[in-house]
Amino acid sequence: MASLHKLSVLVTLISSFILSISVQVHSNDLIMTACSGTTSKQLCLDHLKADKQVTAAASEELALGLAIIKNLIGQAKITHDYVLKKKLANPAYGFCETKWADMVSGFQRVLETTTKNKGYQEDTDDYDFMIIGDYVGNCKMALEEAKIVDPEIAKGGDIVKTSIAAANTILSQLKAKNRNKDE
């Protein structure tokens, strides 16, 4: 009788392990799908997989897209804080400070709209989201004109652009699925 109980426990453990692997594979598949729309797939994978909230949300497209946007807001805030400190020492960072602040508020609006609409609803949602990321290039050009090369801002910009592309890929996929359901 004891061996039957041990067998039952063993079967339960194996089933749980297999289910856990299945969930991880699906989660990794969605993150891989999100990162497939980026120009820097490895940066995307490394960055998103390092965020526990993103990996926890990676079992469903909307949850993953929203988690990536939240991560993006966090990264934009970190870079904005960095630029704010640099501005105190060098006024040439003033334009960048404004652009990074605009990105934070813009991404927050995108998060609110996307959450409310349960994904992209309007035809321009993806464009509205991606255009905010152009501020990265505006900042970089302003610094180049002032003869400033700042690797920290470049790194923050790369992560932001990659995260925008990843969130856009997964949210566009969700929008296409939803449209196919409606037809």
Protein backbone atom coordinates (compact mmCIF):
# COMPACT_ATOMS: atom_id res chain seq x y z
CA MET A 1 0.00 0.00 0.00
CA ALA A 2 2.86 2.36 0.84
CA SER A 3 4.43 1.76 -2.57
CA LEU A 4 1.12 2.62 -4.26
CA HIS A 5 1.05 5.92 -2.34
CA LYS A 6 4.68 6.60 -3.38
CA LEU A 7 3.77 5.88 -7.00
CA SER A 8 0.82 8.30 -6.77
CA VAL A 9 3.07 11.01 -5.32
CA LEU A 10 5.70 10.35 -8.00
CA VAL A 11 3.12 10.60 -10.80
CA THR A 12 1.82 13.87 -9.33
CA LEU A 13 5.34 15.30 -9.12
CA ILE A 14 6.18 14.27 -12.68
CA SER A 15 2.91 15.76 -13.96
CA SER A 16 3.60 19.04 -12.17
CA PHE A 17 7.13 19.13 -13.57
CA ILE A 18 5.91 18.52 -17.13
CA LEU A 19 3.22 21.20 -16.76
CA SER A 20 5.83 23.62 -15.42
CA ILE A 21 8.10 22.95 -18.40
CA SER A 22 5.16 23.37 -20.77
CA VAL A 23 4.29 26.78 -19.27
CA GLN A 24 7.95 27.87 -19.44
CA VAL A 25 8.24 26.82 -23.08
CA HIS A 26 5.06 28.73 -23.98
CA SER A 27 6.27 31.77 -22.05
CA ASN A 28 9.64 31.64 -23.77
CA ASP A 29 7.86 31.25 -27.12
CA LEU A 30 5.89 34.47 -26.57
CA ILE A 31 9.00 36.37 -25.49
CA MET A 32 10.83 34.98 -28.55
CA THR A 33 7.91 36.10 -30.72
CA ALA A 34 7.98 39.58 -29.17
CA CYS A 35 11.73 39.86 -29.71
CA SER A 36 11.51 38.62 -33.30
CA GLY A 37 10.21 42.06 -34.28
CA THR A 38 13.31 43.84 -32.98
CA THR A 39 16.60 44.71 -34.64
CA SER A 40 18.52 43.49 -31.59
CA LYS A 41 17.00 40.14 -30.71
CA GLN A 42 19.64 39.16 -28.13
CA LEU A 43 19.41 42.49 -26.28
CA CYS A 44 15.63 42.08 -26.26
CA LEU A 45 15.75 38.52 -24.93
CA ASP A 46 18.32 39.34 -22.26
CA HIS A 47 16.47 42.45 -21.12
CA LEU A 48 12.96 40.97 -21.05
CA LYS A 49 13.95 37.64 -19.48
CA ALA A 50 15.76 39.53 -16.70
CA ASP A 51 12.45 41.15 -15.64
CA LYS A 52 10.42 38.79 -13.46
CA GLN A 53 7.20 40.71 -14.11
CA VAL A 54 7.66 40.28 -17.86
CA THR A 55 8.43 36.56 -17.61
CA ALA A 56 5.49 36.06 -15.23
CA ALA A 57 3.18 37.74 -17.76
CA ALA A 58 4.53 35.83 -20.75
CA SER A 59 1.76 33.25 -20.89
CA GLU A 60 -0.69 35.59 -22.65
CA GLU A 61 -0.16 38.26 -25.32
CA LEU A 62 -1.99 41.16 -23.67
CA ALA A 63 -0.36 40.56 -20.28
CA LEU A 64 3.06 40.33 -21.93
CA GLY A 65 2.54 43.48 -23.99
CA LEU A 66 1.44 45.44 -20.93
CA ALA A 67 4.34 44.09 -18.84
CA ILE A 68 6.81 45.15 -21.54
CA ILE A 69 5.29 48.65 -21.59
CA LYS A 70 5.59 48.83 -17.79
CA ASN A 71 9.21 47.73 -18.07
CA LEU A 72 9.71 50.36 -20.75
CA ILE A 73 8.31 53.08 -18.47
CA GLY A 74 10.72 51.97 -15.76
CA GLN A 75 13.68 52.10 -18.15
CA ALA A 76 12.64 55.52 -19.44
CA LYS A 77 12.40 56.79 -15.84
CA ILE A 78 15.88 55.45 -15.02
CA THR A 79 17.36 57.14 -18.08
CA HIS A 80 15.41 60.34 -17.40
CA ASP A 81 16.80 60.46 -13.84
CA TYR A 82 20.30 59.96 -15.22
CA VAL A 83 19.82 62.76 -17.78
CA LEU A 84 18.40 65.04 -15.10
CA LYS A 85 21.59 64.64 -13.04
CA LYS A 86 23.76 65.22 -16.10
CA LYS A 87 21.79 68.37 -16.93
CA LEU A 88 22.80 69.88 -13.61
CA ALA A 89 26.46 69.66 -14.67
CA ASN A 90 25.95 70.37 -18.36
CA PRO A 91 23.03 72.38 -19.79
CA ALA A 92 23.44 70.59 -23.13
CA TYR A 93 21.45 67.75 -21.56
CA GLY A 94 18.40 70.02 -21.15
CA PHE A 95 16.80 69.02 -24.44
CA CYS A 96 17.30 65.32 -23.62
CA GLU A 97 15.80 65.78 -20.19
CA THR A 98 12.65 67.16 -21.77
CA LYS A 99 12.49 64.36 -24.36
CA TRP A 100 12.98 61.58 -21.80
CA ALA A 101 10.30 63.16 -19.57
CA ASP A 102 8.00 63.27 -22.62
CA MET A 103 8.73 59.59 -23.27
CA VAL A 104 7.79 58.61 -19.72
CA SER A 105 4.45 60.44 -19.90
CA GLY A 106 3.84 59.19 -23.45
CA PHE A 107 4.46 55.57 -22.51
CA GLN A 108 2.18 55.98 -19.49
CA ARG A 109 -0.60 57.18 -21.80
CA VAL A 110 0.02 54.20 -24.10
CA LEU A 111 -0.19 51.86 -21.10
CA GLU A 112 -3.47 53.42 -19.94
CA THR A 113 -5.03 53.27 -23.41
CA THR A 114 -3.79 49.76 -24.16
CA THR A 115 -4.98 48.49 -20.78
CA LYS A 116 -8.41 50.12 -21.21
CA ASN A 117 -8.81 48.80 -24.76
CA LYS A 118 -7.36 45.37 -23.90
CA GLY A 119 -4.74 45.79 -26.62
CA TYR A 120 -4.50 47.86 -29.75
CA GLN A 121 -7.94 49.03 -30.83
CA GLU A 122 -7.41 51.93 -33.19
CA ASP A 123 -5.48 51.63 -36.44
CA THR A 124 -3.02 54.25 -35.22
CA ASP A 125 -2.30 52.73 -31.78
CA ASP A 126 0.94 51.11 -32.94
CA TYR A 127 2.08 54.29 -34.69
CA ASP A 128 1.22 56.45 -31.67
CA PHE A 129 3.30 54.11 -29.49
CA MET A 130 6.28 53.88 -31.79
CA ILE A 131 6.49 57.61 -32.56
CA ILE A 132 7.22 58.31 -28.87
CA GLY A 133 10.42 56.30 -29.27
CA ASP A 134 11.67 58.78 -31.87
CA TYR A 135 12.59 61.07 -28.98
CA VAL A 136 15.58 58.76 -28.38
CA GLY A 137 17.03 59.82 -31.72
CA ASN A 138 16.18 63.48 -31.10
CA CYS A 139 18.14 63.38 -27.84
CA LYS A 140 21.08 61.59 -29.43
CA MET A 141 21.28 64.15 -32.26
CA ALA A 142 21.15 67.07 -29.80
CA LEU A 143 24.02 65.58 -27.82
CA GLU A 144 26.03 64.93 -30.98
CA GLU A 145 25.62 68.58 -31.97
CA ALA A 146 27.06 69.48 -28.56
CA LYS A 147 29.92 67.01 -29.21
CA ILE A 148 28.76 64.71 -26.41
CA VAL A 149 28.85 60.94 -26.63
CA ASP A 150 27.08 59.37 -23.69
CA PRO A 151 27.10 55.55 -23.59
CA GLU A 152 24.56 55.45 -20.76
CA ILE A 153 21.98 57.33 -22.83
CA ALA A 154 22.82 55.19 -25.86
CA LYS A 155 22.25 52.04 -23.79
CA GLY A 156 18.93 53.37 -22.42
CA GLY A 157 17.88 54.34 -25.94
CA ASP A 158 18.71 50.90 -27.32
CA ILE A 159 16.67 49.21 -24.60
CA VAL A 160 13.74 51.58 -25.14
CA LYS A 161 13.71 51.11 -28.93
CA THR A 162 14.02 47.33 -28.55
CA SER A 163 11.25 47.19 -25.94
CA ILE A 164 8.93 49.31 -28.09
CA ALA A 165 9.46 46.94 -31.01
CA ALA A 166 8.89 43.88 -28.78
CA ALA A 167 5.68 45.23 -27.24
CA ASN A 168 4.47 46.38 -30.64
CA THR A 169 5.11 42.95 -32.17
CA ILE A 170 3.14 41.09 -29.51
CA LEU A 171 0.30 43.64 -29.37
CA SER A 172 0.00 43.71 -33.17
CA GLN A 173 -0.19 39.91 -33.15
CA LEU A 174 -2.98 40.09 -30.57
CA LYS A 175 -4.82 42.70 -32.64
CA ALA A 176 -4.62 40.46 -35.72
CA LYS A 177 -5.95 37.47 -33.73
CA ASN A 178 -8.82 39.55 -32.39
CA ARG A 179 -9.71 40.80 -35.87
CA ASN A 180 -9.72 37.24 -37.21
CA LYS A 181 -12.09 36.20 -34.41
CA ASP A 182 -14.49 39.01 -35.35
CA GLU A 183 -14.59 38.05 -39.02
